[in-house]
């Protein structure tokens, strides 16, 4: 607690505090973009729109939740049928 008070007073961060802040910020960014990463991993056909929804409306929990659910929706795969020869 005293470390946070000293940072607020001096306006400078020590190396450990800066590293901790950067790790926390990176983890937060990863969580924020998680729906897009899931869509990309699943090869979802709407990966770009999911990323855009996350970036533009992810700041509201509703936009992030919609993108998260959308990333897990079923993916229609093309079905190939073998034609029977006469």
PDB file of N, CA and C in Angstrom:
ATOM      1  N   UNK A   1       0.825  -1.188   0.000  1.00  0.00           N
ATOM      2  CA  UNK A   1       0.000   0.000   0.000  1.00  0.00           C
ATOM      3  C   UNK A   1       0.866   1.247   0.000  1.00  0.00           C
ATOM      4  N   UNK A   2       1.954   1.216   0.741  1.00  0.00           N
ATOM      5  CA  UNK A   2       2.845   2.370   0.773  1.00  0.00           C
ATOM      6  C   UNK A   2       3.497   2.605  -0.575  1.00  0.00           C
ATOM      7  N   UNK A   3       3.742   1.510  -1.345  1.00  0.00           N
ATOM      8  CA  UNK A   3       4.349   1.654  -2.661  1.00  0.00           C
ATOM      9  C   UNK A   3       3.442   2.449  -3.592  1.00  0.00           C
ATOM     10  N   UNK A   4       2.155   2.175  -3.552  1.00  0.00           N
ATOM     11  CA  UNK A   4       1.224   2.908  -4.403  1.00  0.00           C
ATOM     12  C   UNK A   4       1.175   4.373  -4.007  1.00  0.00           C
ATOM     13  N   UNK A   5       1.244   4.632  -2.736  1.00  0.00           N
ATOM     14  CA  UNK A   5       1.237   6.008  -2.259  1.00  0.00           C
ATOM     15  C   UNK A   5       2.490   6.745  -2.724  1.00  0.00           C
ATOM     16  N   UNK A   6       3.631   6.080  -2.671  1.00  0.00           N
ATOM     17  CA  UNK A   6       4.880   6.702  -3.108  1.00  0.00           C
ATOM     18  C   UNK A   6       4.878   6.956  -4.606  1.00  0.00           C
ATOM     19  N   UNK A   7       4.316   6.027  -5.393  1.00  0.00           N
ATOM     20  CA  UNK A   7       4.219   6.222  -6.837  1.00  0.00           C
ATOM     21  C   UNK A   7       3.337   7.423  -7.133  1.00  0.00           C
ATOM     22  N   UNK A   8       2.242   7.549  -6.401  1.00  0.00           N
ATOM     23  CA  UNK A   8       1.341   8.672  -6.616  1.00  0.00           C
ATOM     24  C   UNK A   8       2.005   9.989  -6.246  1.00  0.00           C
ATOM     25  N   UNK A   9       2.832   9.986  -5.223  1.00  0.00           N
ATOM     26  CA  UNK A   9       3.508  11.213  -4.818  1.00  0.00           C
ATOM     27  C   UNK A   9       4.622  11.599  -5.775  1.00  0.00           C
ATOM     28  N   UNK A  10       5.469  10.653  -6.139  1.00  0.00           N
ATOM     29  CA  UNK A  10       6.636  10.981  -6.935  1.00  0.00           C
ATOM     30  C   UNK A  10       6.327  11.014  -8.430  1.00  0.00           C
ATOM     31  N   UNK A  11       5.298  10.312  -8.858  1.00  0.00           N
ATOM     32  CA  UNK A  11       4.979  10.272 -10.277  1.00  0.00           C
ATOM     33  C   UNK A  11       5.874   9.324 -11.053  1.00  0.00           C
ATOM     34  N   UNK A  12       6.736   8.579 -10.384  1.00  0.00           N
ATOM     35  CA  UNK A  12       7.641   7.631 -11.039  1.00  0.00           C
ATOM     36  C   UNK A  12       7.347   6.234 -10.539  1.00  0.00           C
ATOM     37  N   UNK A  13       7.620   5.268 -11.381  1.00  0.00           N
ATOM     38  CA  UNK A  13       7.442   3.868 -10.988  1.00  0.00           C
ATOM     39  C   UNK A  13       8.800   3.215 -10.925  1.00  0.00           C
ATOM     40  N   UNK A  14       8.970   2.366  -9.951  1.00  0.00           N
ATOM     41  CA  UNK A  14      10.178   1.556  -9.877  1.00  0.00           C
ATOM     42  C   UNK A  14      10.065   0.435 -10.911  1.00  0.00           C
ATOM     43  N   UNK A  15      11.170  -0.249 -11.159  1.00  0.00           N
ATOM     44  CA  UNK A  15      11.192  -1.295 -12.167  1.00  0.00           C
ATOM     45  C   UNK A  15      10.177  -2.390 -11.928  1.00  0.00           C
ATOM     46  N   UNK A  16      10.037  -2.852 -10.702  1.00  0.00           N
ATOM     47  CA  UNK A  16       9.088  -3.919 -10.391  1.00  0.00           C
ATOM     48  C   UNK A  16       7.650  -3.479 -10.578  1.00  0.00           C
ATOM     49  N   UNK A  17       7.347  -2.253 -10.191  1.00  0.00           N
ATOM     50  CA  UNK A  17       5.983  -1.747 -10.336  1.00  0.00           C
ATOM     51  C   UNK A  17       5.637  -1.572 -11.813  1.00  0.00           C
ATOM     52  N   UNK A  18       6.606  -1.110 -12.597  1.00  0.00           N
ATOM     53  CA  UNK A  18       6.371  -0.933 -14.025  1.00  0.00           C
ATOM     54  C   UNK A  18       6.155  -2.284 -14.707  1.00  0.00           C
ATOM     55  N   UNK A  19       6.960  -3.261 -14.348  1.00  0.00           N
ATOM     56  CA  UNK A  19       6.808  -4.594 -14.916  1.00  0.00           C
ATOM     57  C   UNK A  19       5.455  -5.193 -14.537  1.00  0.00           C
ATOM     58  N   UNK A  20       5.060  -5.033 -13.298  1.00  0.00           N
ATOM     59  CA  UNK A  20       3.753  -5.518 -12.854  1.00  0.00           C
ATOM     60  C   UNK A  20       2.616  -4.838 -13.595  1.00  0.00           C
ATOM     61  N   UNK A  21       2.747  -3.528 -13.790  1.00  0.00           N
ATOM     62  CA  UNK A  21       1.717  -2.783 -14.529  1.00  0.00           C
ATOM     63  C   UNK A  21       1.634  -3.270 -15.966  1.00  0.00           C
ATOM     64  N   UNK A  22       2.776  -3.477 -16.618  1.00  0.00           N
ATOM     65  CA  UNK A  22       2.780  -3.937 -18.004  1.00  0.00           C
ATOM     66  C   UNK A  22       2.200  -5.346 -18.135  1.00  0.00           C
ATOM     67  N   UNK A  23       2.502  -6.218 -17.186  1.00  0.00           N
ATOM     68  CA  UNK A  23       1.926  -7.570 -17.193  1.00  0.00           C
ATOM     69  C   UNK A  23       0.421  -7.509 -17.021  1.00  0.00           C
ATOM     70  N   UNK A  24      -0.036  -6.693 -16.104  1.00  0.00           N
ATOM     71  CA  UNK A  24      -1.470  -6.551 -15.867  1.00  0.00           C
ATOM     72  C   UNK A  24      -2.170  -5.937 -17.078  1.00  0.00           C
ATOM     73  N   UNK A  25      -1.555  -4.945 -17.702  1.00  0.00           N
ATOM     74  CA  UNK A  25      -2.139  -4.326 -18.890  1.00  0.00           C
ATOM     75  C   UNK A  25      -2.184  -5.320 -20.052  1.00  0.00           C
ATOM     76  N   UNK A  26      -1.140  -6.116 -20.220  1.00  0.00           N
ATOM     77  CA  UNK A  26      -1.125  -7.124 -21.274  1.00  0.00           C
ATOM     78  C   UNK A  26      -2.188  -8.186 -21.064  1.00  0.00           C
ATOM     79  N   UNK A  27      -2.346  -8.630 -19.836  1.00  0.00           N
ATOM     80  CA  UNK A  27      -3.381  -9.615 -19.517  1.00  0.00           C
ATOM     81  C   UNK A  27      -4.771  -9.029 -19.762  1.00  0.00           C
ATOM     82  N   UNK A  28      -4.957  -7.778 -19.398  1.00  0.00           N
ATOM     83  CA  UNK A  28      -6.244  -7.118 -19.633  1.00  0.00           C
ATOM     84  C   UNK A  28      -6.557  -6.997 -21.117  1.00  0.00           C
ATOM     85  N   UNK A  29      -5.556  -6.654 -21.922  1.00  0.00           N
ATOM     86  CA  UNK A  29      -5.749  -6.552 -23.365  1.00  0.00           C
ATOM     87  C   UNK A  29      -6.069  -7.920 -23.968  1.00  0.00           C
ATOM     88  N   UNK A  30      -5.389  -8.958 -23.485  1.00  0.00           N
ATOM     89  CA  UNK A  30      -5.668 -10.318 -23.954  1.00  0.00           C
ATOM     90  C   UNK A  30      -7.112 -10.703 -23.641  1.00  0.00           C
ATOM     91  N   UNK A  31      -7.564 -10.431 -22.427  1.00  0.00           N
ATOM     92  CA  UNK A  31      -8.941 -10.758 -22.039  1.00  0.00           C
ATOM     93  C   UNK A  31      -9.946  -9.953 -22.855  1.00  0.00           C
ATOM     94  N   UNK A  32      -9.614  -8.699 -23.141  1.00  0.00           N
ATOM     95  CA  UNK A  32     -10.498  -7.826 -23.922  1.00  0.00           C
ATOM     96  C   UNK A  32     -10.674  -8.370 -25.339  1.00  0.00           C
ATOM     97  N   UNK A  33      -9.606  -8.873 -25.927  1.00  0.00           N
ATOM     98  CA  UNK A  33      -9.641  -9.376 -27.302  1.00  0.00           C
ATOM     99  C   UNK A  33      -9.897 -10.881 -27.390  1.00  0.00           C
ATOM    100  N   UNK A  34     -10.195 -11.517 -26.279  1.00  0.00           N
ATOM    101  CA  UNK A  34     -10.385 -12.958 -26.230  1.00  0.00           C
ATOM    102  C   UNK A  34     -11.423 -13.483 -27.225  1.00  0.00           C
ATOM    103  N   UNK A  35     -12.586 -12.839 -27.410  1.00  0.00           N
ATOM    104  CA  UNK A  35     -13.540 -13.371 -28.400  1.00  0.00           C
ATOM    105  C   UNK A  35     -12.948 -13.461 -29.809  1.00  0.00           C
ATOM    106  N   UNK A  36     -12.169 -12.472 -30.196  1.00  0.00           N
ATOM    107  CA  UNK A  36     -11.542 -12.509 -31.514  1.00  0.00           C
ATOM    108  C   UNK A  36     -10.504 -13.604 -31.627  1.00  0.00           C
ATOM    109  N   UNK A  37      -9.739 -13.818 -30.563  1.00  0.00           N
ATOM    110  CA  UNK A  37      -8.740 -14.885 -30.575  1.00  0.00           C
ATOM    111  C   UNK A  37      -9.415 -16.256 -30.665  1.00  0.00           C
ATOM    112  N   UNK A  38     -10.522 -16.424 -29.960  1.00  0.00           N
ATOM    113  CA  UNK A  38     -11.250 -17.692 -30.007  1.00  0.00           C
ATOM    114  C   UNK A  38     -11.786 -17.927 -31.416  1.00  0.00           C
ATOM    115  N   UNK A  39     -12.354 -16.888 -32.028  1.00  0.00           N
ATOM    116  CA  UNK A  39     -12.883 -17.025 -33.396  1.00  0.00           C
ATOM    117  C   UNK A  39     -11.770 -17.370 -34.379  1.00  0.00           C
ATOM    118  N   UNK A  40     -10.617 -16.742 -34.233  1.00  0.00           N
ATOM    119  CA  UNK A  40      -9.493 -17.032 -35.127  1.00  0.00           C
ATOM    120  C   UNK A  40      -8.993 -18.454 -34.922  1.00  0.00           C
ATOM    121  N   UNK A  41      -8.930 -18.913 -33.692  1.00  0.00           N
ATOM    122  CA  UNK A  41      -8.471 -20.266 -33.394  1.00  0.00           C
ATOM    123  C   UNK A  41      -9.415 -21.313 -33.970  1.00  0.00           C
ATOM    124  N   UNK A  42     -10.724 -21.006 -33.952  1.00  0.00           N
ATOM    125  CA  UNK A  42     -11.727 -21.943 -34.462  1.00  0.00           C
ATOM    126  C   UNK A  42     -11.937 -21.810 -35.965  1.00  0.00           C
ATOM    127  N   UNK A  43     -11.208 -20.914 -36.638  1.00  0.00           N
ATOM    128  CA  UNK A  43     -11.383 -20.641 -38.067  1.00  0.00           C
ATOM    129  C   UNK A  43     -12.828 -20.265 -38.386  1.00  0.00           C
ATOM    130  N   UNK A  44     -13.384 -19.414 -37.545  1.00  0.00           N
ATOM    131  CA  UNK A  44     -14.755 -18.953 -37.720  1.00  0.00           C
ATOM    132  C   UNK A  44     -14.820 -18.081 -38.971  1.00  0.00           C
ATOM    133  N   UNK A  45     -15.861 -18.247 -39.803  1.00  0.00           N
ATOM    134  CA  UNK A  45     -15.934 -17.434 -41.026  1.00  0.00           C
ATOM    135  C   UNK A  45     -16.145 -15.940 -40.747  1.00  0.00           C
ATOM    136  N   UNK A  46     -16.588 -15.581 -39.560  1.00  0.00           N
ATOM    137  CA  UNK A  46     -16.825 -14.174 -39.206  1.00  0.00           C
ATOM    138  C   UNK A  46     -15.787 -13.649 -38.217  1.00  0.00           C
ATOM    139  N   UNK A  47     -14.549 -14.076 -38.360  1.00  0.00           N
ATOM    140  CA  UNK A  47     -13.509 -13.661 -37.415  1.00  0.00           C
ATOM    141  C   UNK A  47     -13.303 -12.150 -37.428  1.00  0.00           C
ATOM    142  N   UNK A  48     -13.227 -11.545 -38.607  1.00  0.00           N
ATOM    143  CA  UNK A  48     -12.998 -10.097 -38.703  1.00  0.00           C
ATOM    144  C   UNK A  48     -14.154  -9.317 -38.062  1.00  0.00           C
ATOM    145  N   UNK A  49     -15.418  -9.626 -38.385  1.00  0.00           N
ATOM    146  CA  UNK A  49     -16.500  -8.899 -37.713  1.00  0.00           C
ATOM    147  C   UNK A  49     -16.510  -9.099 -36.191  1.00  0.00           C
ATOM    148  N   UNK A  50     -16.112 -10.271 -35.730  1.00  0.00           N
ATOM    149  CA  UNK A  50     -16.061 -10.502 -34.284  1.00  0.00           C
ATOM    150  C   UNK A  50     -14.982  -9.630 -33.660  1.00  0.00           C
ATOM    151  N   UNK A  51     -13.809  -9.542 -34.296  1.00  0.00           N
ATOM    152  CA  UNK A  51     -12.763  -8.647 -33.801  1.00  0.00           C
ATOM    153  C   UNK A  51     -13.244  -7.197 -33.802  1.00  0.00           C
ATOM    154  N   UNK A  52     -13.908  -6.775 -34.876  1.00  0.00           N
ATOM    155  CA  UNK A  52     -14.388  -5.394 -34.943  1.00  0.00           C
ATOM    156  C   UNK A  52     -15.431  -5.107 -33.868  1.00  0.00           C
ATOM    157  N   UNK A  53     -16.334  -6.042 -33.647  1.00  0.00           N
ATOM    158  CA  UNK A  53     -17.334  -5.859 -32.591  1.00  0.00           C
ATOM    159  C   UNK A  53     -16.658  -5.749 -31.228  1.00  0.00           C
ATOM    160  N   UNK A  54     -15.658  -6.586 -31.016  1.00  0.00           N
ATOM    161  CA  UNK A  54     -14.951  -6.554 -29.736  1.00  0.00           C
ATOM    162  C   UNK A  54     -14.233  -5.223 -29.542  1.00  0.00           C
ATOM    163  N   UNK A  55     -13.573  -4.746 -30.589  1.00  0.00           N
ATOM    164  CA  UNK A  55     -12.813  -3.494 -30.476  1.00  0.00           C
ATOM    165  C   UNK A  55     -13.743  -2.299 -30.318  1.00  0.00           C
ATOM    166  N   UNK A  56     -14.829  -2.262 -31.109  1.00  0.00           N
ATOM    167  CA  UNK A  56     -15.699  -1.090 -31.099  1.00  0.00           C
ATOM    168  C   UNK A  56     -16.695  -1.072 -29.941  1.00  0.00           C
ATOM    169  N   UNK A  57     -17.246  -2.231 -29.588  1.00  0.00           N
ATOM    170  CA  UNK A  57     -18.275  -2.262 -28.542  1.00  0.00           C
ATOM    171  C   UNK A  57     -17.891  -3.107 -27.336  1.00  0.00           C
ATOM    172  N   UNK A  58     -16.668  -3.604 -27.312  1.00  0.00           N
ATOM    173  CA  UNK A  58     -16.240  -4.451 -26.212  1.00  0.00           C
ATOM    174  C   UNK A  58     -16.122  -3.718 -24.887  1.00  0.00           C
ATOM    175  N   UNK A  59     -16.010  -2.390 -24.936  1.00  0.00           N
ATOM    176  CA  UNK A  59     -15.899  -1.615 -23.699  1.00  0.00           C
ATOM    177  C   UNK A  59     -17.160  -1.745 -22.854  1.00  0.00           C
ATOM    178  N   UNK A  60     -18.301  -1.984 -23.534  1.00  0.00           N
ATOM    179  CA  UNK A  60     -19.512  -2.274 -22.769  1.00  0.00           C
ATOM    180  C   UNK A  60     -19.563  -3.789 -22.607  1.00  0.00           C
ATOM    181  N   UNK A  61     -19.933  -4.239 -21.476  1.00  0.00           N
ATOM    182  CA  UNK A  61     -19.935  -5.681 -21.238  1.00  0.00           C
ATOM    183  C   UNK A  61     -20.862  -6.396 -22.206  1.00  0.00           C
ATOM    184  N   UNK A  62     -21.944  -5.748 -22.619  1.00  0.00           N
ATOM    185  CA  UNK A  62     -22.903  -6.374 -23.521  1.00  0.00           C
ATOM    186  C   UNK A  62     -22.246  -6.667 -24.869  1.00  0.00           C
ATOM    187  N   UNK A  63     -21.515  -5.707 -25.425  1.00  0.00           N
ATOM    188  CA  UNK A  63     -20.827  -5.923 -26.696  1.00  0.00           C
ATOM    189  C   UNK A  63     -19.797  -7.031 -26.612  1.00  0.00           C
ATOM    190  N   UNK A  64     -19.061  -7.081 -25.506  1.00  0.00           N
ATOM    191  CA  UNK A  64     -18.052  -8.128 -25.318  1.00  0.00           C
ATOM    192  C   UNK A  64     -18.723  -9.492 -25.194  1.00  0.00           C
ATOM    193  N   UNK A  65     -19.821  -9.563 -24.452  1.00  0.00           N
ATOM    194  CA  UNK A  65     -20.526 -10.830 -24.257  1.00  0.00           C
ATOM    195  C   UNK A  65     -21.126 -11.331 -25.564  1.00  0.00           C
ATOM    196  N   UNK A  66     -21.677 -10.434 -26.390  1.00  0.00           N
ATOM    197  CA  UNK A  66     -22.229 -10.831 -27.682  1.00  0.00           C
ATOM    198  C   UNK A  66     -21.117 -11.388 -28.568  1.00  0.00           C
ATOM    199  N   UNK A  67     -19.971 -10.722 -28.604  1.00  0.00           N
ATOM    200  CA  UNK A  67     -18.839 -11.204 -29.403  1.00  0.00           C
ATOM    201  C   UNK A  67     -18.336 -12.546 -28.881  1.00  0.00           C
ATOM    202  N   UNK A  68     -18.331 -12.722 -27.572  1.00  0.00           N
ATOM    203  CA  UNK A  68     -17.872 -13.972 -26.966  1.00  0.00           C
ATOM    204  C   UNK A  68     -18.777 -15.135 -27.356  1.00  0.00           C
ATOM    205  N   UNK A  69     -20.095 -14.926 -27.277  1.00  0.00           N
ATOM    206  CA  UNK A  69     -21.049 -15.973 -27.655  1.00  0.00           C
ATOM    207  C   UNK A  69     -20.966 -16.235 -29.154  1.00  0.00           C
ATOM    208  N   UNK A  70     -20.832 -15.176 -29.948  1.00  0.00           N
ATOM    209  CA  UNK A  70     -20.744 -15.304 -31.400  1.00  0.00           C
ATOM    210  C   UNK A  70     -19.516 -16.135 -31.800  1.00  0.00           C
ATOM    211  N   UNK A  71     -18.427 -15.976 -31.072  1.00  0.00           N
ATOM    212  CA  UNK A  71     -17.203 -16.723 -31.377  1.00  0.00           C
ATOM    213  C   UNK A  71     -17.402 -18.222 -31.181  1.00  0.00           C
ATOM    214  N   UNK A  72     -18.349 -18.612 -30.339  1.00  0.00           N
ATOM    215  CA  UNK A  72     -18.593 -20.028 -30.073  1.00  0.00           C
ATOM    216  C   UNK A  72     -19.767 -20.602 -30.862  1.00  0.00           C
ATOM    217  N   UNK A  73     -20.388 -19.807 -31.732  1.00  0.00           N
ATOM    218  CA  UNK A  73     -21.516 -20.329 -32.495  1.00  0.00           C
ATOM    219  C   UNK A  73     -21.039 -21.395 -33.477  1.00  0.00           C
ATOM    220  N   UNK A  74     -21.985 -22.221 -33.893  1.00  0.00           N
ATOM    221  CA  UNK A  74     -21.657 -23.332 -34.792  1.00  0.00           C
ATOM    222  C   UNK A  74     -21.143 -22.801 -36.122  1.00  0.00           C
ATOM    223  N   UNK A  75     -20.193 -23.511 -36.659  1.00  0.00           N
ATOM    224  CA  UNK A  75     -19.601 -23.151 -37.943  1.00  0.00           C
ATOM    225  C   UNK A  75     -20.125 -24.141 -38.983  1.00  0.00           C
ATOM    226  N   UNK A  76     -20.749 -23.607 -40.011  1.00  0.00           N
ATOM    227  CA  UNK A  76     -21.265 -24.459 -41.082  1.00  0.00           C
ATOM    228  C   UNK A  76     -20.111 -24.862 -41.985  1.00  0.00           C
ATOM    229  N   UNK A  77     -19.873 -26.132 -42.072  1.00  0.00           N
ATOM    230  CA  UNK A  77     -18.831 -26.662 -42.959  1.00  0.00           C
ATOM    231  C   UNK A  77     -19.495 -27.136 -44.246  1.00  0.00           C
ATOM    232  N   UNK A  78     -18.856 -26.903 -45.389  1.00  0.00           N
ATOM    233  CA  UNK A  78     -19.450 -27.408 -46.628  1.00  0.00           C
ATOM    234  C   UNK A  78     -19.476 -28.928 -46.631  1.00  0.00           C
ATOM    235  N   UNK A  79     -20.571 -29.455 -47.098  1.00  0.00           N
ATOM    236  CA  UNK A  79     -20.713 -30.904 -47.147  1.00  0.00           C
ATOM    237  C   UNK A  79     -20.484 -31.367 -48.570  1.00  0.00           C
ATOM    238  N   UNK A  80     -19.690 -32.355 -48.685  1.00  0.00           N
ATOM    239  CA  UNK A  80     -19.395 -32.910 -49.997  1.00  0.00           C
ATOM    240  C   UNK A  80     -20.076 -34.269 -50.119  1.00  0.00           C
ATOM    241  N   UNK A  81     -20.805 -34.437 -51.183  1.00  0.00           N
ATOM    242  CA  UNK A  81     -21.519 -35.681 -51.411  1.00  0.00           C
ATOM    243  C   UNK A  81     -20.882 -36.399 -52.595  1.00  0.00           C
ATOM    244  N   UNK A  82     -20.810 -37.672 -52.449  1.00  0.00           N
ATOM    245  CA  UNK A  82     -20.274 -38.477 -53.513  1.00  0.00           C
ATOM    246  C   UNK A  82     -21.418 -38.838 -54.458  1.00  0.00           C
ATOM    247  N   UNK A  83     -21.233 -38.580 -55.732  1.00  0.00           N
ATOM    248  CA  UNK A  83     -22.273 -38.918 -56.680  1.00  0.00           C
ATOM    249  C   UNK A  83     -22.133 -40.383 -57.086  1.00  0.00           C
ATOM    250  N   UNK A  84     -23.285 -41.021 -57.125  1.00  0.00           N
ATOM    251  CA  UNK A  84     -23.269 -42.424 -57.545  1.00  0.00           C
ATOM    252  C   UNK A  84     -23.249 -42.486 -59.062  1.00  0.00           C
ATOM    253  N   UNK A  85     -22.404 -43.329 -59.551  1.00  0.00           N
ATOM    254  CA  UNK A  85     -22.318 -43.479 -61.005  1.00  0.00           C
ATOM    255  C   UNK A  85     -23.303 -44.530 -61.461  1.00  0.00           C
ATOM    256  N   UNK A  86     -23.883 -44.289 -62.639  1.00  0.00           N
ATOM    257  CA  UNK A  86     -24.861 -45.238 -63.195  1.00  0.00           C
ATOM    258  C   UNK A  86     -24.190 -46.459 -63.743  1.00  0.00           C
TER     259      UNK A  86
END
